[in-house]
């Protein structure tokens, strides 16, 4: 509406006196420069404010999540200082934002007033000539004065526009980011689970250190293979390449003889289940978490069967609402072992032929580990399984143990074969069990 009013008034001004109108429009570049400069500062200040608000949210989230650590280590004053520092940063950015916003309209109005004064002075000089009449002069000045109101309204909305653009930049960046590469065209049906890694190499980043180098590995369908090695040896990287969370640098991975890059991501991942150390649970019921991702209505009987196989019904039955119990954000209302068994039940219900176990029992106490290990044995039956473990005691029964060292396969064989080889695995085994014996001597059981 204001744009139409301005266009109409400018047309009227041209009709009355095109020369004076052109002189009036000479201030347009000055006004445009002022608006552009202020908008630039306003957007930068708004962007900085958005980032500072994000930092405040991060500080609050960390303080709340780690409240036990904060209390035990006396970190209240430190967290208060962090919060005060971030708040002061927001205040400074908002002051800059307010200063830029408040300067916008007055500066434009001042330039317009100077231009109006100059035009009135010129028009007064022409009133004695036949070119300009008193009526025409009054009409011209009135039209110019009427321009100021819509001009003020238009310049004032730039503040909200710049704030909105600054807030939307992060959303636009996310929308403009590259999608996950899904170049495969073939639909992969239910597989038997035979895996083949051929000369697989991978590095994080273009110039990063090679995490895997020329790895060759053949895993028959239904076999359980354990990946062991020191931290950073490439265990998790190798497992994460299978569902294509990362893309290979070179080589290829085959499932039942089919290159995984030629099949669609959805059909590939439909054949893979994952149980990791850090279980992801949603703020929903136990039943919804077990049945998560299923593209059909799952009968309660199937959920109960999966929970029973995962040894989860033992604690679910003791809850007042059973399967309808809310687990809380990130499963906060459940213990570590209970969360792990829910994740195992989810994998059992998915019934995928390939299973990845990433440190599934490393953070559990002995009692919880016993329950989870029993559930895992049920889950691993008739499935091709990749087990990543630091506790060597949990993988002694594996069909094959792969020892990774600096991104390469150092040794491969059964538990007994690798101990007899007296190599890297045997050294890891001796070190770990010597450490366990030392801890047992320092912490004798109370009889």
Protein backbone atom coordinates (compact mmCIF):
# COMPACT_ATOMS: atom_id res chain seq x y z
CA UNK A 1 0.00 0.00 0.00
CA UNK A 2 2.75 2.47 0.97
CA UNK A 3 4.61 1.66 -2.25
CA UNK A 4 1.50 2.51 -4.30
CA UNK A 5 1.06 5.78 -2.38
CA UNK A 6 4.69 6.76 -2.99
CA UNK A 7 4.41 5.90 -6.71
CA UNK A 8 1.21 7.96 -7.03
CA UNK A 9 2.68 10.99 -5.22
CA UNK A 10 5.84 10.86 -7.36
CA UNK A 11 3.66 10.79 -10.49
CA UNK A 12 1.78 13.84 -9.21
CA UNK A 13 5.05 15.64 -8.46
CA UNK A 14 6.31 14.95 -12.00
CA UNK A 15 3.05 16.32 -13.35
CA UNK A 16 3.37 19.53 -11.31
CA UNK A 17 7.07 20.22 -11.92
CA UNK A 18 9.34 17.56 -13.39
CA UNK A 19 12.49 19.64 -12.85
CA UNK A 20 11.93 20.05 -9.09
CA UNK A 21 10.95 16.39 -8.87
CA UNK A 22 14.22 15.30 -10.45
CA UNK A 23 16.08 17.53 -8.00
CA UNK A 24 14.13 15.87 -5.18
CA UNK A 25 15.02 12.41 -6.46
CA UNK A 26 18.69 13.37 -6.40
CA UNK A 27 18.66 12.47 -2.70
CA UNK A 28 17.64 8.87 -3.52
CA UNK A 29 21.25 7.58 -3.80
CA UNK A 30 22.07 9.18 -0.44
CA UNK A 31 19.02 7.58 1.18
CA UNK A 32 19.84 4.23 -0.43
CA UNK A 33 23.42 4.41 0.86
CA UNK A 34 22.22 5.19 4.39
CA UNK A 35 19.69 2.36 4.35
CA UNK A 36 22.23 -0.10 2.92
CA UNK A 37 24.87 0.78 5.52
CA UNK A 38 22.42 0.57 8.41
CA UNK A 39 20.91 -2.67 7.10
CA UNK A 40 24.39 -4.19 6.87
CA UNK A 41 25.14 -3.29 10.49
CA UNK A 42 21.67 -4.34 11.58
CA UNK A 43 21.94 -7.76 9.97
CA UNK A 44 25.42 -8.35 11.43
CA UNK A 45 24.22 -7.32 14.88
CA UNK A 46 21.14 -9.55 14.55
CA UNK A 47 23.30 -12.47 13.43
CA UNK A 48 25.67 -11.96 16.37
CA UNK A 49 22.68 -11.79 18.72
CA UNK A 50 21.31 -15.07 17.36
CA UNK A 51 24.68 -16.77 17.84
CA UNK A 52 25.02 -15.35 21.35
CA UNK A 53 21.54 -16.62 22.24
CA UNK A 54 22.60 -20.04 20.99
CA UNK A 55 25.65 -19.89 23.26
CA UNK A 56 23.42 -19.06 26.23
CA UNK A 57 21.23 -22.06 25.45
CA UNK A 58 24.32 -24.24 25.23
CA UNK A 59 25.65 -23.03 28.60
CA UNK A 60 22.27 -23.63 30.26
CA UNK A 61 21.91 -27.09 28.71
CA UNK A 62 25.41 -28.11 29.79
CA UNK A 63 24.85 -26.82 33.32
CA UNK A 64 21.54 -28.64 33.69
CA UNK A 65 22.75 -31.87 32.09
CA UNK A 66 25.94 -31.94 34.17
CA UNK A 67 24.34 -30.63 37.37
CA UNK A 68 25.80 -33.47 39.45
CA UNK A 69 29.35 -32.68 38.28
CA UNK A 70 28.76 -28.96 38.84
CA UNK A 71 27.58 -29.57 42.42
CA UNK A 72 30.25 -32.12 43.35
CA UNK A 73 33.16 -30.12 41.95
CA UNK A 74 31.89 -26.74 43.15
CA UNK A 75 31.44 -25.34 39.68
CA UNK A 76 28.47 -23.09 40.49
CA UNK A 77 30.51 -19.87 40.48
CA UNK A 78 32.29 -20.86 37.27
CA UNK A 79 28.99 -21.65 35.53
CA UNK A 80 27.59 -18.34 36.83
CA UNK A 81 30.56 -16.52 35.29
CA UNK A 82 30.04 -18.33 31.98
CA UNK A 83 26.37 -17.41 31.98
CA UNK A 84 27.07 -13.77 32.92
CA UNK A 85 29.68 -13.53 30.16
CA UNK A 86 27.26 -14.84 27.54
CA UNK A 87 24.45 -12.59 28.81
CA UNK A 88 26.72 -9.54 28.60
CA UNK A 89 27.62 -10.56 25.06
CA UNK A 90 23.94 -10.68 24.13
CA UNK A 91 23.39 -7.29 25.75
CA UNK A 92 26.23 -5.73 23.72
CA UNK A 93 24.95 -7.18 20.47
CA UNK A 94 21.38 -6.09 21.21
CA UNK A 95 22.59 -2.55 21.99
CA UNK A 96 24.34 -2.43 18.61
CA UNK A 97 21.20 -3.78 16.99
CA UNK A 98 19.00 -1.19 18.72
CA UNK A 99 21.38 1.66 17.84
CA UNK A 100 21.36 0.69 14.16
CA UNK A 101 17.57 0.30 14.14
CA UNK A 102 16.98 3.64 15.88
CA UNK A 103 19.36 5.49 13.56
CA UNK A 104 17.63 4.30 10.41
CA UNK A 105 14.43 6.37 10.37
CA UNK A 106 15.88 9.63 11.83
CA UNK A 107 18.73 9.73 9.30
CA UNK A 108 16.42 9.14 6.36
CA UNK A 109 13.98 11.73 7.71
CA UNK A 110 16.78 14.24 8.19
CA UNK A 111 18.00 13.82 4.61
CA UNK A 112 14.43 14.11 3.35
CA UNK A 113 13.90 17.30 5.40
CA UNK A 114 17.07 18.87 3.99
CA UNK A 115 15.95 17.98 0.48
CA UNK A 116 12.48 19.40 1.15
CA UNK A 117 13.96 22.65 2.46
CA UNK A 118 16.16 22.95 -0.61
CA UNK A 119 13.23 22.30 -2.96
CA UNK A 120 11.05 24.85 -1.14
CA UNK A 121 13.84 27.41 -1.46
CA UNK A 122 14.08 26.74 -5.20
CA UNK A 123 10.30 26.83 -5.59
CA UNK A 124 10.06 30.17 -3.76
CA UNK A 125 12.59 31.56 -6.21
CA UNK A 126 10.32 30.56 -9.08
CA UNK A 127 7.03 31.86 -7.68
CA UNK A 128 7.49 35.23 -9.33
CA UNK A 129 7.82 33.66 -12.78
CA UNK A 130 5.10 32.26 -14.96
CA UNK A 131 6.52 28.73 -14.51
CA UNK A 132 5.15 28.25 -11.00
CA UNK A 133 1.90 29.47 -9.48
CA UNK A 134 1.15 29.77 -5.78
CA UNK A 135 -1.40 26.95 -6.05
CA UNK A 136 1.06 24.72 -7.87
CA UNK A 137 3.74 25.51 -5.28
CA UNK A 138 1.42 24.61 -2.37
CA UNK A 139 0.30 21.42 -4.13
CA UNK A 140 3.94 20.42 -4.75
CA UNK A 141 4.99 21.05 -1.13
CA UNK A 142 1.90 19.22 0.18
CA UNK A 143 2.67 16.19 -1.98
CA UNK A 144 6.28 16.16 -0.73
CA UNK A 145 5.12 16.32 2.89
CA UNK A 146 2.71 13.47 2.24
CA UNK A 147 5.66 11.39 1.02
CA UNK A 148 7.33 11.42 4.44
CA UNK A 149 4.74 9.24 6.24
CA UNK A 150 4.84 6.20 3.89
CA UNK A 151 8.61 6.65 3.52
CA UNK A 152 8.99 6.48 7.30
CA UNK A 153 6.87 3.35 7.53
CA UNK A 154 8.84 1.60 4.80
CA UNK A 155 12.22 2.42 6.33
CA UNK A 156 11.03 1.34 9.79
CA UNK A 157 10.14 -2.20 8.64
CA UNK A 158 13.69 -2.85 7.46
CA UNK A 159 14.63 -3.58 11.08
CA UNK A 160 12.22 -6.52 11.23
CA UNK A 161 13.28 -7.70 7.77
CA UNK A 162 16.96 -7.76 8.73
CA UNK A 163 16.21 -9.56 12.00
CA UNK A 164 14.21 -12.15 10.12
CA UNK A 165 16.92 -12.63 7.50
CA UNK A 166 19.60 -13.04 10.17
CA UNK A 167 17.47 -15.59 12.02
CA UNK A 168 16.72 -17.47 8.81
CA UNK A 169 20.34 -17.68 7.64
CA UNK A 170 21.05 -20.83 9.66
CA UNK A 171 17.89 -22.43 8.28
CA UNK A 172 18.87 -21.47 4.73
CA UNK A 173 22.37 -22.88 5.27
CA UNK A 174 20.84 -26.16 6.41
CA UNK A 175 18.47 -26.27 3.44
CA UNK A 176 21.31 -25.47 1.04
CA UNK A 177 23.62 -28.15 2.46
CA UNK A 178 24.27 -31.22 0.35
CA UNK A 179 21.92 -34.13 0.85
CA UNK A 180 23.22 -37.55 1.77
CA UNK A 181 24.50 -39.17 -1.41
CA UNK A 182 21.98 -41.79 -2.51
CA UNK A 183 23.22 -42.72 -5.96
CA UNK A 184 22.10 -46.34 -5.90
CA UNK A 185 19.17 -47.38 -8.06
CA UNK A 186 18.70 -51.05 -7.20
CA UNK A 187 16.31 -52.15 -4.47
CA UNK A 188 18.01 -54.62 -2.15
CA UNK A 189 15.67 -57.32 -0.87
CA UNK A 190 16.23 -59.33 2.30
CA UNK A 191 19.82 -60.55 2.12
CA UNK A 192 21.50 -63.67 3.51
CA UNK A 193 24.21 -61.51 5.07
CA UNK A 194 27.46 -62.47 3.34
CA UNK A 195 29.84 -59.50 3.62
CA UNK A 196 32.95 -58.79 1.62
CA UNK A 197 35.32 -55.84 2.15
CA UNK A 198 37.66 -55.48 -0.83
CA UNK A 199 40.72 -53.22 -0.48
CA UNK A 200 38.68 -50.76 1.60
CA UNK A 201 40.38 -47.45 2.44
CA UNK A 202 38.94 -44.42 4.20
CA UNK A 203 40.14 -41.08 5.60
CA UNK A 204 38.30 -38.38 7.53
CA UNK A 205 38.47 -35.25 5.39
CA UNK A 206 40.32 -34.85 2.12
CA UNK A 207 43.74 -34.46 3.69
CA UNK A 208 43.11 -36.45 6.86
CA UNK A 209 45.09 -39.43 8.11
CA UNK A 210 44.00 -42.75 6.65
CA UNK A 211 41.68 -44.43 9.16
CA UNK A 212 41.55 -47.63 7.09
CA UNK A 213 44.09 -48.86 4.55
CA UNK A 214 43.53 -51.63 2.03
CA UNK A 215 41.30 -53.73 4.32
CA UNK A 216 40.28 -57.12 2.88
CA UNK A 217 37.72 -59.11 4.85
CA UNK A 218 35.33 -61.93 4.01
CA UNK A 219 32.45 -62.71 6.41
CA UNK A 220 30.15 -65.66 5.65
CA UNK A 221 26.42 -65.24 6.26
CA UNK A 222 25.35 -65.85 9.85
CA UNK A 223 28.86 -65.57 11.28
CA UNK A 224 29.77 -63.42 14.27
CA UNK A 225 32.94 -61.37 13.78
CA UNK A 226 34.54 -59.29 16.52
CA UNK A 227 36.61 -56.19 15.76
CA UNK A 228 39.21 -55.42 18.42
CA UNK A 229 42.14 -53.07 18.71
CA UNK A 230 43.36 -49.95 20.44
CA UNK A 231 41.38 -46.71 20.30
CA UNK A 232 41.70 -45.12 16.87
CA UNK A 233 42.55 -48.38 15.13
CA UNK A 234 39.52 -48.13 12.81
CA UNK A 235 36.98 -50.50 14.40
CA UNK A 236 33.99 -48.14 14.46
CA UNK A 237 34.98 -46.65 11.11
CA UNK A 238 34.87 -50.06 9.44
CA UNK A 239 31.44 -50.79 10.92
CA UNK A 240 30.08 -47.36 9.96
CA UNK A 241 31.05 -47.87 6.33
CA UNK A 242 28.63 -50.79 6.03
CA UNK A 243 25.38 -48.72 6.34
CA UNK A 244 27.13 -45.95 4.36
CA UNK A 245 27.27 -43.44 7.18
CA UNK A 246 30.59 -42.61 5.50
CA UNK A 247 31.64 -42.97 1.87
CA UNK A 248 34.63 -45.07 0.89
CA UNK A 249 37.86 -43.43 -0.27
CA UNK A 250 38.62 -46.51 -2.37
CA UNK A 251 37.69 -50.16 -2.61
CA UNK A 252 34.21 -51.59 -2.29
CA UNK A 253 31.89 -53.40 0.13
CA UNK A 254 29.65 -56.22 -1.09
CA UNK A 255 26.56 -57.74 0.50
CA UNK A 256 25.67 -61.08 -1.08
CA UNK A 257 27.90 -60.05 -3.97
CA UNK A 258 26.12 -56.71 -4.51
CA UNK A 259 28.12 -53.46 -4.24
CA UNK A 260 26.40 -51.36 -1.56
CA UNK A 261 26.89 -48.19 -3.65
CA UNK A 262 24.60 -49.55 -6.35
CA UNK A 263 21.61 -50.03 -4.04
CA UNK A 264 19.36 -47.44 -2.44
CA UNK A 265 20.17 -46.33 1.09
CA UNK A 266 16.71 -47.23 2.37
CA UNK A 267 16.89 -50.82 1.13
CA UNK A 268 20.48 -51.19 2.37
CA UNK A 269 19.74 -49.94 5.88
CA UNK A 270 16.56 -52.01 6.08
CA UNK A 271 18.88 -55.03 6.28
CA UNK A 272 21.02 -53.65 9.12
CA UNK A 273 20.28 -53.24 12.83
CA UNK A 274 22.48 -51.33 15.28
CA UNK A 275 22.93 -51.53 19.05
CA UNK A 276 25.51 -49.06 20.34
CA UNK A 277 26.95 -48.01 23.67
CA UNK A 278 25.07 -44.70 23.60
CA UNK A 279 21.47 -45.80 23.26
CA UNK A 280 19.11 -43.31 21.63
CA UNK A 281 15.62 -43.36 23.16
CA UNK A 282 12.86 -40.91 22.38
CA UNK A 283 10.59 -39.17 24.89
CA UNK A 284 7.78 -41.63 24.25
CA UNK A 285 6.47 -44.91 25.61
CA UNK A 286 8.55 -48.07 25.90
CA UNK A 287 6.37 -49.70 23.25
CA UNK A 288 6.88 -46.81 20.82
CA UNK A 289 10.65 -46.96 21.32
CA UNK A 290 10.76 -50.71 20.68
CA UNK A 291 8.59 -50.39 17.56
CA UNK A 292 10.42 -47.28 16.34
CA UNK A 293 10.85 -47.06 12.58
CA UNK A 294 8.45 -49.86 11.69
CA UNK A 295 6.42 -48.98 8.61
CA UNK A 296 3.40 -50.92 9.85
CA UNK A 297 1.12 -51.19 12.85
CA UNK A 298 3.01 -53.49 15.19
CA UNK A 299 0.76 -55.75 17.32
CA UNK A 300 1.45 -55.60 21.03
CA UNK A 301 2.13 -59.33 21.01
CA UNK A 302 5.16 -58.79 18.74
CA UNK A 303 6.45 -55.99 20.96
CA UNK A 304 6.06 -58.21 24.03
CA UNK A 305 7.84 -61.07 22.25
CA UNK A 306 10.77 -58.80 21.32
CA UNK A 307 10.96 -57.37 24.84
CA UNK A 308 10.85 -60.87 26.32
CA UNK A 309 13.65 -62.08 24.05
CA UNK A 310 15.69 -59.04 25.09
CA UNK A 311 15.08 -59.79 28.80
CA UNK A 312 13.32 -56.42 29.03
CA UNK A 313 9.91 -57.66 30.19
CA UNK A 314 11.55 -58.49 33.52
CA UNK A 315 11.59 -54.80 34.48
CA UNK A 316 8.77 -53.61 32.20
CA UNK A 317 6.26 -55.76 34.11
CA UNK A 318 7.24 -54.05 37.35
CA UNK A 319 6.32 -50.62 35.98
CA UNK A 320 2.80 -49.32 36.76
CA UNK A 321 1.96 -48.66 33.10
CA UNK A 322 4.04 -51.44 31.58
CA UNK A 323 4.77 -50.89 27.89
CA UNK A 324 2.87 -47.58 28.03
CA UNK A 325 5.42 -46.12 30.48
CA UNK A 326 7.09 -42.93 29.27
CA UNK A 327 10.89 -43.25 29.28
CA UNK A 328 11.57 -39.50 29.55
CA UNK A 329 13.96 -37.41 27.51
CA UNK A 330 16.83 -39.60 26.26
CA UNK A 331 15.44 -42.42 28.42
CA UNK A 332 16.36 -40.65 31.65
CA UNK A 333 13.82 -42.66 33.68
CA UNK A 334 15.55 -45.94 32.87
CA UNK A 335 18.89 -47.32 34.01
CA UNK A 336 21.73 -47.94 31.59
CA UNK A 337 21.05 -51.67 31.42
CA UNK A 338 17.33 -51.10 30.90
CA UNK A 339 17.97 -48.65 28.06
CA UNK A 340 20.33 -51.15 26.45
CA UNK A 341 17.75 -53.94 26.60
CA UNK A 342 15.13 -51.65 25.02
CA UNK A 343 17.59 -51.02 22.16
CA UNK A 344 18.14 -54.77 21.79
CA UNK A 345 14.37 -55.36 21.71
CA UNK A 346 14.13 -52.72 18.96
CA UNK A 347 16.78 -54.60 16.95
CA UNK A 348 15.04 -57.95 17.54
CA UNK A 349 11.73 -56.53 16.29
CA UNK A 350 13.42 -55.15 13.18
CA UNK A 351 14.69 -58.66 12.45
CA UNK A 352 17.47 -57.48 10.14
CA UNK A 353 19.89 -60.14 8.82
CA UNK A 354 22.96 -57.99 9.60
CA UNK A 355 23.71 -56.69 13.08
CA UNK A 356 26.26 -54.15 14.34
CA UNK A 357 27.07 -54.15 18.07
CA UNK A 358 29.19 -51.12 18.95
CA UNK A 359 30.47 -51.38 22.54
CA UNK A 360 27.01 -52.59 23.57
CA UNK A 361 28.05 -53.66 27.10
CA UNK A 362 31.11 -51.51 27.86
CA UNK A 363 29.35 -49.05 30.21
CA UNK A 364 27.32 -51.56 32.23
CA UNK A 365 27.79 -53.09 35.66
CA UNK A 366 28.21 -56.86 36.03
CA UNK A 367 24.52 -57.60 36.72
CA UNK A 368 23.27 -55.45 33.83
CA UNK A 369 25.96 -56.89 31.55
CA UNK A 370 24.79 -60.42 32.35
CA UNK A 371 21.21 -59.59 31.31
CA UNK A 372 22.31 -57.68 28.21
CA UNK A 373 24.77 -60.40 27.17
CA UNK A 374 22.00 -62.99 27.40
CA UNK A 375 19.76 -60.77 25.25
CA UNK A 376 22.56 -60.26 22.72
CA UNK A 377 23.07 -64.00 22.36
CA UNK A 378 19.41 -64.30 21.37
CA UNK A 379 19.73 -61.36 18.98
CA UNK A 380 22.88 -62.69 17.28
CA UNK A 381 21.38 -66.06 16.37
CA UNK A 382 21.35 -66.66 12.58
CA UNK A 383 22.56 -63.12 11.91
CA UNK A 384 25.78 -61.79 10.43
CA UNK A 385 27.17 -59.79 13.32
CA UNK A 386 29.95 -57.22 13.62
CA UNK A 387 30.90 -56.81 17.27
CA UNK A 388 33.07 -53.88 18.34
CA UNK A 389 34.39 -54.45 21.84
CA UNK A 390 37.07 -53.32 24.23
CA UNK A 391 36.24 -56.02 26.79
CA UNK A 392 37.85 -59.09 25.26
CA UNK A 393 35.94 -61.37 27.63
CA UNK A 394 32.72 -60.55 25.73
CA UNK A 395 33.97 -61.74 22.33
CA UNK A 396 35.83 -64.96 23.17
CA UNK A 397 33.04 -67.04 21.57
CA UNK A 398 33.10 -65.10 18.29
CA UNK A 399 33.49 -67.17 15.11
CA UNK A 400 36.35 -64.91 14.07
CA UNK A 401 38.26 -62.09 15.76
CA UNK A 402 39.78 -59.35 13.60
CA UNK A 403 42.58 -57.36 15.21
CA UNK A 404 42.96 -53.88 13.72
CA UNK A 405 46.10 -51.81 14.14
CA UNK A 406 46.57 -48.38 12.56
CA UNK A 407 43.77 -48.99 10.08
CA UNK A 408 45.02 -52.37 8.90
CA UNK A 409 44.23 -55.97 9.79
CA UNK A 410 47.08 -57.19 11.97
CA UNK A 411 45.68 -60.60 12.90
CA UNK A 412 42.60 -62.74 12.33
CA UNK A 413 41.40 -66.00 13.86
CA UNK A 414 39.52 -67.51 16.76
CA UNK A 415 40.24 -66.65 20.38
CA UNK A 416 42.35 -69.79 20.88
CA UNK A 417 44.23 -69.34 17.61
CA UNK A 418 45.15 -65.74 18.37
CA UNK A 419 46.32 -66.58 21.89
CA UNK A 420 48.50 -69.35 20.45
CA UNK A 421 49.88 -66.90 17.89
CA UNK A 422 51.15 -64.78 20.80
CA UNK A 423 50.85 -61.55 18.83
CA UNK A 424 48.92 -58.30 19.19
CA UNK A 425 45.72 -59.95 20.44
CA UNK A 426 47.57 -62.02 23.02
CA UNK A 427 49.29 -58.88 24.28
CA UNK A 428 45.95 -57.05 24.54
CA UNK A 429 44.47 -60.05 26.34
CA UNK A 430 47.31 -60.28 28.86
CA UNK A 431 47.25 -56.53 29.51
CA UNK A 432 43.50 -56.43 30.04
CA UNK A 433 43.26 -59.45 32.31
CA UNK A 434 46.31 -58.39 34.31
CA UNK A 435 44.54 -55.05 34.85
CA UNK A 436 41.36 -56.85 35.92
CA UNK A 437 43.28 -59.00 38.39
CA UNK A 438 44.99 -55.91 39.84
CA UNK A 439 41.63 -54.19 40.31
CA UNK A 440 40.28 -57.31 42.00
CA UNK A 441 43.17 -57.32 44.47
CA UNK A 442 42.68 -53.62 45.25
CA UNK A 443 38.90 -54.05 45.66
CA UNK A 444 38.34 -57.45 47.34
CA UNK A 445 34.75 -58.59 47.67
CA UNK A 446 33.11 -58.36 51.09
CA UNK A 447 32.15 -61.78 52.42
